[in-house]
Amino acid sequence: GEEKLCAIGVAVKEGVSFHGFALNVSTDLNDFSVIVPCGLKGK
């Protein structure tokens, strides 16, 4: 719907990736309230 289940952000150096994804399994969603997640207002 209008809610993000998994955030993704990677870096690539010398043709190899690092960083990755964050899948909310049983996360305390209240902790997202201290930021604008991914900079997407209204989501």
Full PDB file with SEQRES, HELIX, SHEET, SSBOND, CRYST1, ORIGX, SCALE, CONECT and MASTER records, all heavy atoms in Angstrom:
SEQRES   1 A   43  GLY GLU GLU LYS LEU CYS ALA ILE GLY VAL ALA VAL LYS          
SEQRES   2 A   43  GLU GLY VAL SER PHE HIS GLY PHE ALA LEU ASN VAL SER          
SEQRES   3 A   43  THR ASP LEU ASN ASP PHE SER VAL ILE VAL PRO CYS GLY          
SEQRES   4 A   43  LEU LYS GLY LYS                                              
HELIX    1 AA1 LEU A   29  VAL A   34  5                                   6    
HELIX    2 AA2 PRO A   37  GLY A   39  5                                   3    
SHEET    1 AA1 2 CYS A   6  LYS A  13  0                                        
SHEET    2 AA1 2 VAL A  16  LEU A  23 -1                                        
CRYST1    1.000    1.000    1.000  90.00  90.00  90.00 P 1           1          
ORIGX1      1.000000  0.000000  0.000000        0.00000                         
ORIGX2      0.000000  1.000000  0.000000        0.00000                         
ORIGX3      0.000000  0.000000  1.000000        0.00000                         
SCALE1      1.000000  0.000000  0.000000        0.00000                         
SCALE2      0.000000  1.000000  0.000000        0.00000                         
SCALE3      0.000000  0.000000  1.000000        0.00000                         
ATOM      1  N   GLY A   1       0.840  -1.188   0.000  1.00  0.00           N  
ATOM      2  CA  GLY A   1       0.000   0.000   0.000  1.00  0.00           C  
ATOM      3  C   GLY A   1       0.877   1.240   0.000  1.00  0.00           C  
ATOM      4  O   GLY A   1       1.805   1.371  -0.794  1.00  0.00           O  
ATOM      5  N   GLU A   2       0.608   2.161   0.915  1.00  0.00           N  
ATOM      6  CA  GLU A   2       1.379   3.404   1.027  1.00  0.00           C  
ATOM      7  C   GLU A   2       2.419   3.335   2.141  1.00  0.00           C  
ATOM      8  O   GLU A   2       2.908   4.378   2.593  1.00  0.00           O  
ATOM      9  CB  GLU A   2       0.424   4.578   1.286  1.00  0.00           C  
ATOM     10  CG  GLU A   2      -0.481   4.911   0.110  1.00  0.00           C  
ATOM     11  CD  GLU A   2       0.326   5.393  -1.093  1.00  0.00           C  
ATOM     12  OE1 GLU A   2       1.077   6.364  -0.956  1.00  0.00           O  
ATOM     13  OE2 GLU A   2       0.185   4.778  -2.174  1.00  0.00           O  
ATOM     14  N   GLU A   3       2.739   2.123   2.573  1.00  0.00           N  
ATOM     15  CA  GLU A   3       3.683   1.958   3.677  1.00  0.00           C  
ATOM     16  C   GLU A   3       4.884   1.139   3.235  1.00  0.00           C  
ATOM     17  O   GLU A   3       4.740   0.132   2.535  1.00  0.00           O  
ATOM     18  CB  GLU A   3       2.997   1.290   4.870  1.00  0.00           C  
ATOM     19  CG  GLU A   3       1.866   2.132   5.454  1.00  0.00           C  
ATOM     20  CD  GLU A   3       1.187   1.446   6.616  1.00  0.00           C  
ATOM     21  OE1 GLU A   3       0.956   0.228   6.535  1.00  0.00           O  
ATOM     22  OE2 GLU A   3       0.877   2.141   7.604  1.00  0.00           O  
ATOM     23  N   LYS A   4       6.070   1.564   3.670  1.00  0.00           N  
ATOM     24  CA  LYS A   4       7.295   0.867   3.275  1.00  0.00           C  
ATOM     25  C   LYS A   4       7.557  -0.298   4.217  1.00  0.00           C  
ATOM     26  O   LYS A   4       7.608  -0.130   5.440  1.00  0.00           O  
ATOM     27  CB  LYS A   4       8.485   1.828   3.269  1.00  0.00           C  
ATOM     28  CG  LYS A   4       9.773   1.183   2.790  1.00  0.00           C  
ATOM     29  CD  LYS A   4      10.910   2.191   2.607  1.00  0.00           C  
ATOM     30  CE  LYS A   4      10.887   2.790   1.229  1.00  0.00           C  
ATOM     31  NZ  LYS A   4      12.120   3.572   0.928  1.00  0.00           N  
ATOM     32  N   LEU A   5       7.742  -1.467   3.632  1.00  0.00           N  
ATOM     33  CA  LEU A   5       8.066  -2.675   4.380  1.00  0.00           C  
ATOM     34  C   LEU A   5       9.570  -2.883   4.466  1.00  0.00           C  
ATOM     35  O   LEU A   5      10.078  -3.393   5.472  1.00  0.00           O  
ATOM     36  CB  LEU A   5       7.417  -3.888   3.700  1.00  0.00           C  
ATOM     37  CG  LEU A   5       7.720  -5.272   4.279  1.00  0.00           C  
ATOM     38  CD1 LEU A   5       7.182  -5.406   5.705  1.00  0.00           C  
ATOM     39  CD2 LEU A   5       7.126  -6.367   3.384  1.00  0.00           C  
ATOM     40  N   CYS A   6      10.290  -2.490   3.423  1.00  0.00           N  
ATOM     41  CA  CYS A   6      11.728  -2.744   3.347  1.00  0.00           C  
ATOM     42  C   CYS A   6      12.426  -1.575   2.675  1.00  0.00           C  
ATOM     43  O   CYS A   6      12.063  -1.200   1.555  1.00  0.00           O  
ATOM     44  CB  CYS A   6      11.992  -4.029   2.563  1.00  0.00           C  
ATOM     45  SG  CYS A   6      13.732  -4.463   2.411  1.00  0.00           S  
ATOM     46  N   ALA A   7      13.405  -1.007   3.368  1.00  0.00           N  
ATOM     47  CA  ALA A   7      14.232   0.054   2.789  1.00  0.00           C  
ATOM     48  C   ALA A   7      15.462  -0.572   2.137  1.00  0.00           C  
ATOM     49  O   ALA A   7      15.982  -1.581   2.622  1.00  0.00           O  
ATOM     50  CB  ALA A   7      14.655   1.048   3.867  1.00  0.00           C  
ATOM     51  N   ILE A   8      15.919   0.034   1.061  1.00  0.00           N  
ATOM     52  CA  ILE A   8      17.086  -0.473   0.333  1.00  0.00           C  
ATOM     53  C   ILE A   8      18.012   0.692   0.006  1.00  0.00           C  
ATOM     54  O   ILE A   8      17.563   1.732  -0.478  1.00  0.00           O  
ATOM     55  CB  ILE A   8      16.667  -1.187  -0.970  1.00  0.00           C  
ATOM     56  CG1 ILE A   8      15.790  -2.402  -0.659  1.00  0.00           C  
ATOM     57  CG2 ILE A   8      17.905  -1.615  -1.773  1.00  0.00           C  
ATOM     58  CD1 ILE A   8      15.188  -3.073  -1.876  1.00  0.00           C  
ATOM     59  N   GLY A   9      19.284   0.511   0.280  1.00  0.00           N  
ATOM     60  CA  GLY A   9      20.289   1.514  -0.071  1.00  0.00           C  
ATOM     61  C   GLY A   9      21.643   0.835  -0.166  1.00  0.00           C  
ATOM     62  O   GLY A   9      22.084   0.214   0.794  1.00  0.00           O  
ATOM     63  N   VAL A  10      22.286   0.915  -1.304  1.00  0.00           N  
ATOM     64  CA  VAL A  10      23.552   0.207  -1.505  1.00  0.00           C  
ATOM     65  C   VAL A  10      24.657   1.181  -1.900  1.00  0.00           C  
ATOM     66  O   VAL A  10      24.407   2.327  -2.285  1.00  0.00           O  
ATOM     67  CB  VAL A  10      23.441  -0.909  -2.573  1.00  0.00           C  
ATOM     68  CG1 VAL A  10      22.338  -1.893  -2.217  1.00  0.00           C  
ATOM     69  CG2 VAL A  10      23.230  -0.324  -3.959  1.00  0.00           C  
ATOM     70  N   ALA A  11      25.866   0.707  -1.787  1.00  0.00           N  
ATOM     71  CA  ALA A  11      27.041   1.378  -2.336  1.00  0.00           C  
ATOM     72  C   ALA A  11      27.772   0.340  -3.186  1.00  0.00           C  
ATOM     73  O   ALA A  11      27.681  -0.868  -2.918  1.00  0.00           O  
ATOM     74  CB  ALA A  11      27.949   1.900  -1.229  1.00  0.00           C  
ATOM     75  N   VAL A  12      28.486   0.796  -4.189  1.00  0.00           N  
ATOM     76  CA  VAL A  12      29.279  -0.103  -5.035  1.00  0.00           C  
ATOM     77  C   VAL A  12      30.672   0.503  -5.185  1.00  0.00           C  
ATOM     78  O   VAL A  12      30.818   1.677  -5.547  1.00  0.00           O  
ATOM     79  CB  VAL A  12      28.636  -0.323  -6.419  1.00  0.00           C  
ATOM     80  CG1 VAL A  12      29.543  -1.183  -7.295  1.00  0.00           C  
ATOM     81  CG2 VAL A  12      27.268  -0.969  -6.272  1.00  0.00           C  
ATOM     82  N   LYS A  13      31.666  -0.284  -4.889  1.00  0.00           N  
ATOM     83  CA  LYS A  13      33.055   0.146  -5.004  1.00  0.00           C  
ATOM     84  C   LYS A  13      33.843  -0.980  -5.650  1.00  0.00           C  
ATOM     85  O   LYS A  13      33.694  -2.147  -5.261  1.00  0.00           O  
ATOM     86  CB  LYS A  13      33.620   0.471  -3.617  1.00  0.00           C  
ATOM     87  CG  LYS A  13      35.034   1.019  -3.616  1.00  0.00           C  
ATOM     88  CD  LYS A  13      35.449   1.351  -2.189  1.00  0.00           C  
ATOM     89  CE  LYS A  13      36.874   1.875  -2.134  1.00  0.00           C  
ATOM     90  NZ  LYS A  13      37.291   2.187  -0.744  1.00  0.00           N  
ATOM     91  N   GLU A  14      34.637  -0.661  -6.647  1.00  0.00           N  
ATOM     92  CA  GLU A  14      35.423  -1.658  -7.383  1.00  0.00           C  
ATOM     93  C   GLU A  14      34.542  -2.801  -7.892  1.00  0.00           C  
ATOM     94  O   GLU A  14      34.951  -3.953  -7.914  1.00  0.00           O  
ATOM     95  CB  GLU A  14      36.562  -2.191  -6.520  1.00  0.00           C  
ATOM     96  CG  GLU A  14      37.569  -1.120  -6.129  1.00  0.00           C  
ATOM     97  CD  GLU A  14      38.722  -1.669  -5.311  1.00  0.00           C  
ATOM     98  OE1 GLU A  14      39.651  -2.263  -5.916  1.00  0.00           O  
ATOM     99  OE2 GLU A  14      38.696  -1.516  -4.075  1.00  0.00           O  
ATOM    100  N   GLY A  15      33.309  -2.453  -8.296  1.00  0.00           N  
ATOM    101  CA  GLY A  15      32.414  -3.426  -8.898  1.00  0.00           C  
ATOM    102  C   GLY A  15      31.737  -4.367  -7.927  1.00  0.00           C  
ATOM    103  O   GLY A  15      31.049  -5.299  -8.357  1.00  0.00           O  
ATOM    104  N   VAL A  16      31.900  -4.143  -6.620  1.00  0.00           N  
ATOM    105  CA  VAL A  16      31.302  -5.022  -5.611  1.00  0.00           C  
ATOM    106  C   VAL A  16      30.435  -4.182  -4.674  1.00  0.00           C  
ATOM    107  O   VAL A  16      30.847  -3.109  -4.214  1.00  0.00           O  
ATOM    108  CB  VAL A  16      32.392  -5.776  -4.809  1.00  0.00           C  
ATOM    109  CG1 VAL A  16      31.782  -6.580  -3.668  1.00  0.00           C  
ATOM    110  CG2 VAL A  16      33.177  -6.699  -5.742  1.00  0.00           C  
ATOM    111  N   SER A  17      29.236  -4.681  -4.382  1.00  0.00           N  
ATOM    112  CA  SER A  17      28.279  -3.948  -3.557  1.00  0.00           C  
ATOM    113  C   SER A  17      28.567  -4.108  -2.071  1.00  0.00           C  
ATOM    114  O   SER A  17      29.203  -5.082  -1.636  1.00  0.00           O  
ATOM    115  CB  SER A  17      26.866  -4.454  -3.843  1.00  0.00           C  
ATOM    116  OG  SER A  17      26.733  -5.796  -3.392  1.00  0.00           O  
ATOM    117  N   PHE A  18      28.067  -3.157  -1.297  1.00  0.00           N  
ATOM    118  CA  PHE A  18      27.923  -3.330   0.148  1.00  0.00           C  
ATOM    119  C   PHE A  18      26.768  -2.454   0.609  1.00  0.00           C  
ATOM    120  O   PHE A  18      26.105  -1.826  -0.198  1.00  0.00           O  
ATOM    121  CB  PHE A  18      29.226  -3.092   0.918  1.00  0.00           C  
ATOM    122  CG  PHE A  18      29.884  -1.746   0.756  1.00  0.00           C  
ATOM    123  CD1 PHE A  18      30.086  -0.919   1.854  1.00  0.00           C  
ATOM    124  CD2 PHE A  18      30.363  -1.315  -0.477  1.00  0.00           C  
ATOM    125  CE1 PHE A  18      30.716   0.302   1.723  1.00  0.00           C  
ATOM    126  CE2 PHE A  18      31.007  -0.089  -0.615  1.00  0.00           C  
ATOM    127  CZ  PHE A  18      31.170   0.729   0.491  1.00  0.00           C  
ATOM    128  N   HIS A  19      26.496  -2.426   1.909  1.00  0.00           N  
ATOM    129  CA  HIS A  19      25.218  -1.946   2.454  1.00  0.00           C  
ATOM    130  C   HIS A  19      24.115  -2.848   1.869  1.00  0.00           C  
ATOM    131  O   HIS A  19      24.399  -3.943   1.412  1.00  0.00           O  
ATOM    132  CB  HIS A  19      25.023  -0.457   2.205  1.00  0.00           C  
ATOM    133  CG  HIS A  19      26.029   0.384   2.946  1.00  0.00           C  
ATOM    134  ND1 HIS A  19      25.944   0.626   4.295  1.00  0.00           N  
ATOM    135  CD2 HIS A  19      27.167   1.016   2.527  1.00  0.00           C  
ATOM    136  CE1 HIS A  19      26.966   1.379   4.686  1.00  0.00           C  
ATOM    137  NE2 HIS A  19      27.733   1.608   3.633  1.00  0.00           N  
ATOM    138  N   GLY A  20      22.849  -2.441   1.901  1.00  0.00           N  
ATOM    139  CA  GLY A  20      21.838  -3.385   1.415  1.00  0.00           C  
ATOM    140  C   GLY A  20      20.418  -3.026   1.774  1.00  0.00           C  
ATOM    141  O   GLY A  20      19.928  -1.963   1.415  1.00  0.00           O  
ATOM    142  N   PHE A  21      19.741  -3.908   2.539  1.00  0.00           N  
ATOM    143  CA  PHE A  21      18.309  -3.730   2.786  1.00  0.00           C  
ATOM    144  C   PHE A  21      18.004  -3.876   4.272  1.00  0.00           C  
ATOM    145  O   PHE A  21      18.777  -4.455   5.038  1.00  0.00           O  
ATOM    146  CB  PHE A  21      17.488  -4.742   1.977  1.00  0.00           C  
ATOM    147  CG  PHE A  21      17.705  -6.184   2.380  1.00  0.00           C  
ATOM    148  CD1 PHE A  21      16.947  -6.763   3.392  1.00  0.00           C  
ATOM    149  CD2 PHE A  21      18.662  -6.963   1.752  1.00  0.00           C  
ATOM    150  CE1 PHE A  21      17.150  -8.087   3.768  1.00  0.00           C  
ATOM    151  CE2 PHE A  21      18.873  -8.290   2.109  1.00  0.00           C  
ATOM    152  CZ  PHE A  21      18.104  -8.854   3.128  1.00  0.00           C  
ATOM    153  N   ALA A  22      16.839  -3.335   4.647  1.00  0.00           N  
ATOM    154  CA  ALA A  22      16.366  -3.427   6.031  1.00  0.00           C  
ATOM    155  C   ALA A  22      14.891  -3.794   5.999  1.00  0.00           C  
ATOM    156  O   ALA A  22      14.036  -2.962   5.658  1.00  0.00           O  
ATOM    157  CB  ALA A  22      16.581  -2.107   6.751  1.00  0.00           C  
ATOM    158  N   LEU A  23      14.590  -5.037   6.327  1.00  0.00           N  
ATOM    159  CA  LEU A  23      13.224  -5.579   6.281  1.00  0.00           C  
ATOM    160  C   LEU A  23      12.622  -5.534   7.681  1.00  0.00           C  
ATOM    161  O   LEU A  23      13.156  -6.141   8.622  1.00  0.00           O  
ATOM    162  CB  LEU A  23      13.269  -7.021   5.763  1.00  0.00           C  
ATOM    163  CG  LEU A  23      11.961  -7.817   5.815  1.00  0.00           C  
ATOM    164  CD1 LEU A  23      10.894  -7.181   4.924  1.00  0.00           C  
ATOM    165  CD2 LEU A  23      12.217  -9.269   5.393  1.00  0.00           C  
ATOM    166  N   ASN A  24      11.520  -4.842   7.809  1.00  0.00           N  
ATOM    167  CA  ASN A  24      10.850  -4.754   9.106  1.00  0.00           C  
ATOM    168  C   ASN A  24      10.097  -6.046   9.392  1.00  0.00           C  
ATOM    169  O   ASN A  24       9.089  -6.338   8.748  1.00  0.00           O  
ATOM    170  CB  ASN A  24       9.890  -3.565   9.136  1.00  0.00           C  
ATOM    171  CG  ASN A  24      10.618  -2.243   9.043  1.00  0.00           C  
ATOM    172  OD1 ASN A  24      11.681  -2.065   9.620  1.00  0.00           O  
ATOM    173  ND2 ASN A  24      10.045  -1.312   8.284  1.00  0.00           N  
ATOM    174  N   VAL A  25      10.607  -6.804  10.332  1.00  0.00           N  
ATOM    175  CA  VAL A  25       9.966  -8.064  10.731  1.00  0.00           C  
ATOM    176  C   VAL A  25       9.071  -7.800  11.933  1.00  0.00           C  
ATOM    177  O   VAL A  25       7.849  -7.909  11.863  1.00  0.00           O  
ATOM    178  CB  VAL A  25      11.024  -9.147  11.039  1.00  0.00           C  
ATOM    179  CG1 VAL A  25      10.348 -10.443  11.502  1.00  0.00           C  
ATOM    180  CG2 VAL A  25      11.873  -9.417   9.801  1.00  0.00           C  
ATOM    181  N   SER A  26       9.682  -7.440  13.054  1.00  0.00           N  
ATOM    182  CA  SER A  26       8.911  -7.104  14.248  1.00  0.00           C  
ATOM    183  C   SER A  26       9.452  -5.812  14.865  1.00  0.00           C  
ATOM    184  O   SER A  26       9.457  -5.641  16.079  1.00  0.00           O  
ATOM    185  CB  SER A  26       8.973  -8.247  15.264  1.00  0.00           C  
ATOM    186  OG  SER A  26      10.324  -8.542  15.609  1.00  0.00           O  
ATOM    187  N   THR A  27       9.894  -4.927  14.010  1.00  0.00           N  
ATOM    188  CA  THR A  27      10.496  -3.662  14.421  1.00  0.00           C  
ATOM    189  C   THR A  27       9.512  -2.819  15.220  1.00  0.00           C  
ATOM    190  O   THR A  27       8.319  -2.808  14.930  1.00  0.00           O  
ATOM    191  CB  THR A  27      10.912  -2.868  13.163  1.00  0.00           C  
ATOM    192  OG1 THR A  27      11.451  -3.765  12.186  1.00  0.00           O  
ATOM    193  CG2 THR A  27      11.921  -1.800  13.475  1.00  0.00           C  
ATOM    194  N   ASP A  28      10.016  -2.067  16.210  1.00  0.00           N  
ATOM    195  CA  ASP A  28       9.197  -1.074  16.897  1.00  0.00           C  
ATOM    196  C   ASP A  28       9.029   0.111  15.946  1.00  0.00           C  
ATOM    197  O   ASP A  28       9.920   0.951  15.810  1.00  0.00           O  
ATOM    198  CB  ASP A  28       9.875  -0.635  18.199  1.00  0.00           C  
ATOM    199  CG  ASP A  28       9.026   0.355  18.989  1.00  0.00           C  
ATOM    200  OD1 ASP A  28       7.983   0.818  18.471  1.00  0.00           O  
ATOM    201  OD2 ASP A  28       9.418   0.676  20.132  1.00  0.00           O  
ATOM    202  N   LEU A  29       7.890   0.176  15.297  1.00  0.00           N  
ATOM    203  CA  LEU A  29       7.677   1.189  14.266  1.00  0.00           C  
ATOM    204  C   LEU A  29       7.609   2.599  14.838  1.00  0.00           C  
ATOM    205  O   LEU A  29       7.771   3.576  14.101  1.00  0.00           O  
ATOM    206  CB  LEU A  29       6.408   0.867  13.466  1.00  0.00           C  
ATOM    207  CG  LEU A  29       6.423  -0.487  12.732  1.00  0.00           C  
ATOM    208  CD1 LEU A  29       5.083  -0.732  12.041  1.00  0.00           C  
ATOM    209  CD2 LEU A  29       7.566  -0.561  11.718  1.00  0.00           C  
ATOM    210  N   ASN A  30       7.386   2.734  16.145  1.00  0.00           N  
ATOM    211  CA  ASN A  30       7.368   4.057  16.763  1.00  0.00           C  
ATOM    212  C   ASN A  30       8.707   4.763  16.609  1.00  0.00           C  
ATOM    213  O   ASN A  30       8.769   5.999  16.589  1.00  0.00           O  
ATOM    214  CB  ASN A  30       7.009   3.952  18.245  1.00  0.00           C  
ATOM    215  CG  ASN A  30       5.562   3.543  18.465  1.00  0.00           C  
ATOM    216  OD1 ASN A  30       4.672   3.957  17.718  1.00  0.00           O  
ATOM    217  ND2 ASN A  30       5.323   2.722  19.468  1.00  0.00           N  
ATOM    218  N   ASP A  31       9.793   3.983  16.504  1.00  0.00           N  
ATOM    219  CA  ASP A  31      11.119   4.592  16.394  1.00  0.00           C  
ATOM    220  C   ASP A  31      11.315   5.344  15.076  1.00  0.00           C  
ATOM    221  O   ASP A  31      12.210   6.177  14.966  1.00  0.00           O  
ATOM    222  CB  ASP A  31      12.213   3.539  16.569  1.00  0.00           C  
ATOM    223  CG  ASP A  31      12.476   3.209  18.032  1.00  0.00           C  
ATOM    224  OD1 ASP A  31      12.115   4.036  18.898  1.00  0.00           O  
ATOM    225  OD2 ASP A  31      13.031   2.150  18.322  1.00  0.00           O  
ATOM    226  N   PHE A  32      10.507   5.029  14.076  1.00  0.00           N  
ATOM    227  CA  PHE A  32      10.598   5.767  12.813  1.00  0.00           C  
ATOM    228  C   PHE A  32      10.045   7.190  12.943  1.00  0.00           C  
ATOM    229  O   PHE A  32      10.267   8.022  12.070  1.00  0.00           O  
ATOM    230  CB  PHE A  32       9.836   5.037  11.706  1.00  0.00           C  
ATOM    231  CG  PHE A  32      10.550   3.831  11.158  1.00  0.00           C  
ATOM    232  CD1 PHE A  32      10.270   2.569  11.638  1.00  0.00           C  
ATOM    233  CD2 PHE A  32      11.490   3.964  10.149  1.00  0.00           C  
ATOM    234  CE1 PHE A  32      10.919   1.446  11.126  1.00  0.00           C  
ATOM    235  CE2 PHE A  32      12.140   2.858   9.628  1.00  0.00           C  
ATOM    236  CZ  PHE A  32      11.860   1.595  10.121  1.00  0.00           C  
ATOM    237  N   SER A  33       9.314   7.456  14.024  1.00  0.00           N  
ATOM    238  CA  SER A  33       8.652   8.757  14.163  1.00  0.00           C  
ATOM    239  C   SER A  33       9.624   9.897  14.444  1.00  0.00           C  
ATOM    240  O   SER A  33       9.238  11.066  14.414  1.00  0.00           O  
ATOM    241  CB  SER A  33       7.603   8.694  15.278  1.00  0.00           C  
ATOM    242  OG  SER A  33       8.229   8.522  16.544  1.00  0.00           O  
ATOM    243  N   VAL A  34      10.899   9.579  14.705  1.00  0.00           N  
ATOM    244  CA  VAL A  34      11.879  10.627  15.016  1.00  0.00           C  
ATOM    245  C   VAL A  34      12.606  11.122  13.759  1.00  0.00           C  
ATOM    246  O   VAL A  34      13.496  11.958  13.843  1.00  0.00           O  
ATOM    247  CB  VAL A  34      12.894  10.153  16.077  1.00  0.00           C  
ATOM    248  CG1 VAL A  34      12.178   9.781  17.367  1.00  0.00           C  
ATOM    249  CG2 VAL A  34      13.742   8.984  15.569  1.00  0.00           C  
ATOM    250  N   ILE A  35      12.233  10.587  12.590  1.00  0.00           N  
ATOM    251  CA  ILE A  35      12.801  11.006  11.311  1.00  0.00           C  
ATOM    252  C   ILE A  35      11.688  11.067  10.268  1.00  0.00           C  
ATOM    253  O   ILE A  35      10.556  10.646  10.526  1.00  0.00           O  
ATOM    254  CB  ILE A  35      13.898  10.018  10.806  1.00  0.00           C  
ATOM    255  CG1 ILE A  35      13.307   8.605  10.628  1.00  0.00           C  
ATOM    256  CG2 ILE A  35      15.092  10.006  11.751  1.00  0.00           C  
ATOM    257  CD1 ILE A  35      14.258   7.609   9.969  1.00  0.00           C  
ATOM    258  N   VAL A  36      12.016  11.603   9.106  1.00  0.00           N  
ATOM    259  CA  VAL A  36      11.161  11.429   7.926  1.00  0.00           C  
ATOM    260  C   VAL A  36      11.784  10.281   7.148  1.00  0.00           C  
ATOM    261  O   VAL A  36      12.779  10.474   6.439  1.00  0.00           O  
ATOM    262  CB  VAL A  36      11.103  12.705   7.059  1.00  0.00           C  
ATOM    263  CG1 VAL A  36      10.216  12.471   5.839  1.00  0.00           C  
ATOM    264  CG2 VAL A  36      10.613  13.892   7.876  1.00  0.00           C  
ATOM    265  N   PRO A  37      11.269   9.045   7.295  1.00  0.00           N  
ATOM    266  CA  PRO A  37      11.957   7.875   6.723  1.00  0.00           C  
ATOM    267  C   PRO A  37      12.193   8.018   5.225  1.00  0.00           C  
ATOM    268  O   PRO A  37      11.262   8.280   4.461  1.00  0.00           O  
ATOM    269  CB  PRO A  37      10.995   6.717   7.028  1.00  0.00           C  
ATOM    270  CG  PRO A  37      10.204   7.182   8.211  1.00  0.00           C  
ATOM    271  CD  PRO A  37      10.044   8.669   8.009  1.00  0.00           C  
ATOM    272  N   CYS A  38      13.461   7.873   4.843  1.00  0.00           N  
ATOM    273  CA  CYS A  38      13.878   7.957   3.441  1.00  0.00           C  
ATOM    274  C   CYS A  38      13.555   9.309   2.815  1.00  0.00           C  
ATOM    275  O   CYS A  38      13.610   9.470   1.590  1.00  0.00           O  
ATOM    276  CB  CYS A  38      13.268   6.823   2.614  1.00  0.00           C  
ATOM    277  SG  CYS A  38      13.663   5.180   3.259  1.00  0.00           S  
ATOM    278  N   GLY A  39      13.188  10.284   3.642  1.00  0.00           N  
ATOM    279  CA  GLY A  39      12.860  11.604   3.133  1.00  0.00           C  
ATOM    280  C   GLY A  39      11.527  11.687   2.421  1.00  0.00           C  
ATOM    281  O   GLY A  39      11.244  12.668   1.737  1.00  0.00           O  
ATOM    282  N   LEU A  40      10.670  10.670   2.588  1.00  0.00           N  
ATOM    283  CA  LEU A  40       9.386  10.619   1.887  1.00  0.00           C  
ATOM    284  C   LEU A  40       8.276  11.077   2.816  1.00  0.00           C  
ATOM    285  O   LEU A  40       7.796  10.316   3.667  1.00  0.00           O  
ATOM    286  CB  LEU A  40       9.121   9.194   1.370  1.00  0.00           C  
ATOM    287  CG  LEU A  40      10.151   8.654   0.382  1.00  0.00           C  
ATOM    288  CD1 LEU A  40       9.845   7.212   0.026  1.00  0.00           C  
ATOM    289  CD2 LEU A  40      10.188   9.515  -0.874  1.00  0.00           C  
ATOM    290  N   LYS A  41       7.871  12.315   2.670  1.00  0.00           N  
ATOM    291  CA  LYS A  41       6.830  12.874   3.532  1.00  0.00           C  
ATOM    292  C   LYS A  41       5.472  12.285   3.171  1.00  0.00           C  
ATOM    293  O   LYS A  41       5.163  12.040   2.013  1.00  0.00           O  
ATOM    294  CB  LYS A  41       6.804  14.393   3.401  1.00  0.00           C  
ATOM    295  CG  LYS A  41       8.073  15.070   3.923  1.00  0.00           C  
ATOM    296  CD  LYS A  41       8.020  16.570   3.720  1.00  0.00           C  
ATOM    297  CE  LYS A  41       9.202  17.264   4.388  1.00  0.00           C  
ATOM    298  NZ  LYS A  41      10.508  16.879   3.795  1.00  0.00           N  
ATOM    299  N   GLY A  42       4.656  12.031   4.179  1.00  0.00           N  
ATOM    300  CA  GLY A  42       3.308  11.538   3.951  1.00  0.00           C  
ATOM    301  C   GLY A  42       3.216  10.047   3.716  1.00  0.00           C  
ATOM    302  O   GLY A  42       2.128   9.527   3.426  1.00  0.00           O  
ATOM    303  N   LYS A  43       4.338   9.342   3.829  1.00  0.00           N  
ATOM    304  CA  LYS A  43       4.341   7.888   3.653  1.00  0.00           C  
ATOM    305  C   LYS A  43       4.574   7.223   5.010  1.00  0.00           C  
ATOM    306  O   LYS A  43       5.205   7.791   5.905  1.00  0.00           O  
ATOM    307  CB  LYS A  43       5.442   7.455   2.687  1.00  0.00           C  
ATOM    308  CG  LYS A  43       5.359   8.095   1.309  1.00  0.00           C  
ATOM    309  CD  LYS A  43       4.193   7.574   0.507  1.00  0.00           C  
ATOM    310  CE  LYS A  43       4.199   8.144  -0.916  1.00  0.00           C  
ATOM    311  NZ  LYS A  43       3.070   7.634  -1.722  1.00  0.00           N  
TER     312      LYS A  43                                                      
MASTER        0    0    0    2    2    0    0    6  311    1    0    4          
END                                                                             
